[in-house]
C-alpha atoms as a PDB file:
ATOM      1  CA  MET A   1       8.150   2.131 -43.928  1.00  0.00           C
ATOM      2  CA  PRO A   2      10.297  -0.901 -43.138  1.00  0.00           C
ATOM      3  CA  TYR A   3      13.710  -1.430 -44.658  1.00  0.00           C
ATOM      4  CA  ILE A   4      13.387  -4.226 -47.213  1.00  0.00           C
ATOM      5  CA  THR A   5      16.608  -5.857 -48.372  1.00  0.00           C
ATOM      6  CA  GLY A   6      16.949  -6.161 -52.119  1.00  0.00           C
ATOM      7  CA  MET A   7      14.362  -3.488 -52.896  1.00  0.00           C
ATOM      8  CA  PRO A   8      15.294  -0.091 -54.363  1.00  0.00           C
ATOM      9  CA  HIS A   9      15.149   2.759 -51.867  1.00  0.00           C
ATOM     10  CA  PRO A  10      14.021   5.958 -53.615  1.00  0.00           C
ATOM     11  CA  ASN A  11      15.190   9.410 -52.628  1.00  0.00           C
ATOM     12  CA  ASN A  12      15.224  12.901 -54.116  1.00  0.00           C
ATOM     13  CA  LEU A  13      18.996  13.203 -54.566  1.00  0.00           C
ATOM     14  CA  ARG A  14      19.008  12.948 -58.369  1.00  0.00           C
ATOM     15  CA  SER A  15      16.307  15.566 -58.883  1.00  0.00           C
ATOM     16  CA  ILE A  16      17.886  17.990 -56.385  1.00  0.00           C
ATOM     17  CA  ARG A  17      21.347  17.461 -57.895  1.00  0.00           C
ATOM     18  CA  GLY A  18      19.939  18.020 -61.379  1.00  0.00           C
ATOM     19  CA  ARG A  19      18.187  21.210 -60.320  1.00  0.00           C
ATOM     20  CA  LEU A  20      21.495  22.481 -58.911  1.00  0.00           C
ATOM     21  CA  LYS A  21      23.375  21.333 -62.022  1.00  0.00           C
ATOM     22  CA  LEU A  22      25.917  19.401 -59.949  1.00  0.00           C
ATOM     23  CA  SER A  23      27.707  16.229 -60.952  1.00  0.00           C
ATOM     24  CA  GLN A  24      27.626  13.127 -58.811  1.00  0.00           C
ATOM     25  CA  ARG A  25      31.341  13.630 -58.200  1.00  0.00           C
ATOM     26  CA  ALA A  26      30.792  17.192 -56.955  1.00  0.00           C
ATOM     27  CA  VAL A  27      28.129  16.089 -54.479  1.00  0.00           C
ATOM     28  CA  SER A  28      30.158  13.107 -53.273  1.00  0.00           C
ATOM     29  CA  GLU A  29      33.203  15.333 -52.712  1.00  0.00           C
ATOM     30  CA  ARG A  30      31.133  17.946 -50.867  1.00  0.00           C
ATOM     31  CA  ALA A  31      29.721  15.230 -48.613  1.00  0.00           C
ATOM     32  CA  GLY A  32      33.101  13.567 -48.125  1.00  0.00           C
ATOM     33  CA  PHE A  33      32.097  10.225 -49.614  1.00  0.00           C
ATOM     34  CA  ALA A  34      33.469   8.038 -52.365  1.00  0.00           C
ATOM     35  CA  LEU A  35      31.767   8.554 -55.708  1.00  0.00           C
ATOM     36  CA  SER A  36      30.737   4.891 -55.805  1.00  0.00           C
ATOM     37  CA  TYR A  37      28.983   5.172 -52.424  1.00  0.00           C
ATOM     38  CA  TYR A  38      27.114   8.297 -53.516  1.00  0.00           C
ATOM     39  CA  GLN A  39      26.020   6.567 -56.721  1.00  0.00           C
ATOM     40  CA  GLN A  40      24.685   3.601 -54.739  1.00  0.00           C
ATOM     41  CA  VAL A  41      22.649   5.884 -52.488  1.00  0.00           C
ATOM     42  CA  GLU A  42      21.329   8.020 -55.340  1.00  0.00           C
ATOM     43  CA  ASP A  43      20.375   4.890 -57.286  1.00  0.00           C
ATOM     44  CA  GLY A  44      18.550   3.507 -54.248  1.00  0.00           C
ATOM     45  CA  GLU A  45      20.908   0.558 -53.894  1.00  0.00           C
ATOM     46  CA  SER A  46      22.138   1.676 -50.461  1.00  0.00           C
ATOM     47  CA  VAL A  47      20.357   3.365 -47.565  1.00  0.00           C
ATOM     48  CA  PRO A  48      22.485   5.921 -45.695  1.00  0.00           C
ATOM     49  CA  THR A  49      22.664   6.196 -41.940  1.00  0.00           C
ATOM     50  CA  LEU A  50      21.190   9.357 -40.464  1.00  0.00           C
ATOM     51  CA  ILE A  51      24.673  10.878 -40.129  1.00  0.00           C
ATOM     52  CA  LYS A  52      25.419  10.179 -43.794  1.00  0.00           C
ATOM     53  CA  ALA A  53      21.965  11.396 -44.861  1.00  0.00           C
ATOM     54  CA  ARG A  54      22.669  14.681 -43.047  1.00  0.00           C
ATOM     55  CA  ALA A  55      26.017  15.033 -44.840  1.00  0.00           C
ATOM     56  CA  LEU A  56      24.402  14.382 -48.223  1.00  0.00           C
ATOM     57  CA  ALA A  57      21.602  16.855 -47.562  1.00  0.00           C
ATOM     58  CA  ALA A  58      24.101  19.503 -46.428  1.00  0.00           C
ATOM     59  CA  ALA A  59      26.180  18.925 -49.572  1.00  0.00           C
ATOM     60  CA  LEU A  60      23.065  19.760 -51.595  1.00  0.00           C
ATOM     61  CA  GLY A  61      21.958  22.640 -49.362  1.00  0.00           C
ATOM     62  CA  VAL A  62      18.666  21.001 -48.426  1.00  0.00           C
ATOM     63  CA  THR A  63      17.179  19.356 -45.354  1.00  0.00           C
ATOM     64  CA  VAL A  64      17.262  15.622 -44.740  1.00  0.00           C
ATOM     65  CA  ASP A  65      13.476  15.598 -45.187  1.00  0.00           C
ATOM     66  CA  GLU A  66      13.829  17.134 -48.641  1.00  0.00           C
ATOM     67  CA  ALA A  67      16.506  14.665 -49.717  1.00  0.00           C
ATOM     68  CA  PHE A  68      14.954  11.655 -47.982  1.00  0.00           C
ATOM     69  CA  PRO A  69      11.219  12.199 -47.381  1.00  0.00           C
ATOM     70  CA  SER A  70       9.970  10.711 -44.117  1.00  0.00           C
ATOM     71  CA  ASP A  71       8.124   7.922 -45.881  1.00  0.00           C
ATOM     72  CA  LEU A  72      11.469   6.680 -47.244  1.00  0.00           C
ATOM     73  CA  PRO A  73      13.805   4.468 -45.187  1.00  0.00           C
ATOM     74  CA  ILE A  74      17.054   5.564 -43.539  1.00  0.00           C
ATOM     75  CA  ALA A  75      19.278   2.871 -42.037  1.00  0.00           C
ATOM     76  CA  ALA A  76      19.600   2.881 -38.268  1.00  0.00           C
ATOM     77  CA  ASN A  77      23.207   1.621 -38.181  1.00  0.00           C
ATOM     78  CA  GLU A  78      26.383   2.453 -40.064  1.00  0.00           C
END
């Protein structure tokens, strides 16, 4: 799926975070990111690089494929 500027980019972060009963702040701190950046990614406003997607998935204890299914975009550059 191509990266389309201005379009929301869905992911599974919110549902995984909810299942784990974690706050956005807790996940952002675990991943080492600012809360505002995490919120942008979770809301689909920002697409993480592969390195950042790995950090977010690890913070939630899931694989990158679970957090960002392969039919969803991941940015190639930081």
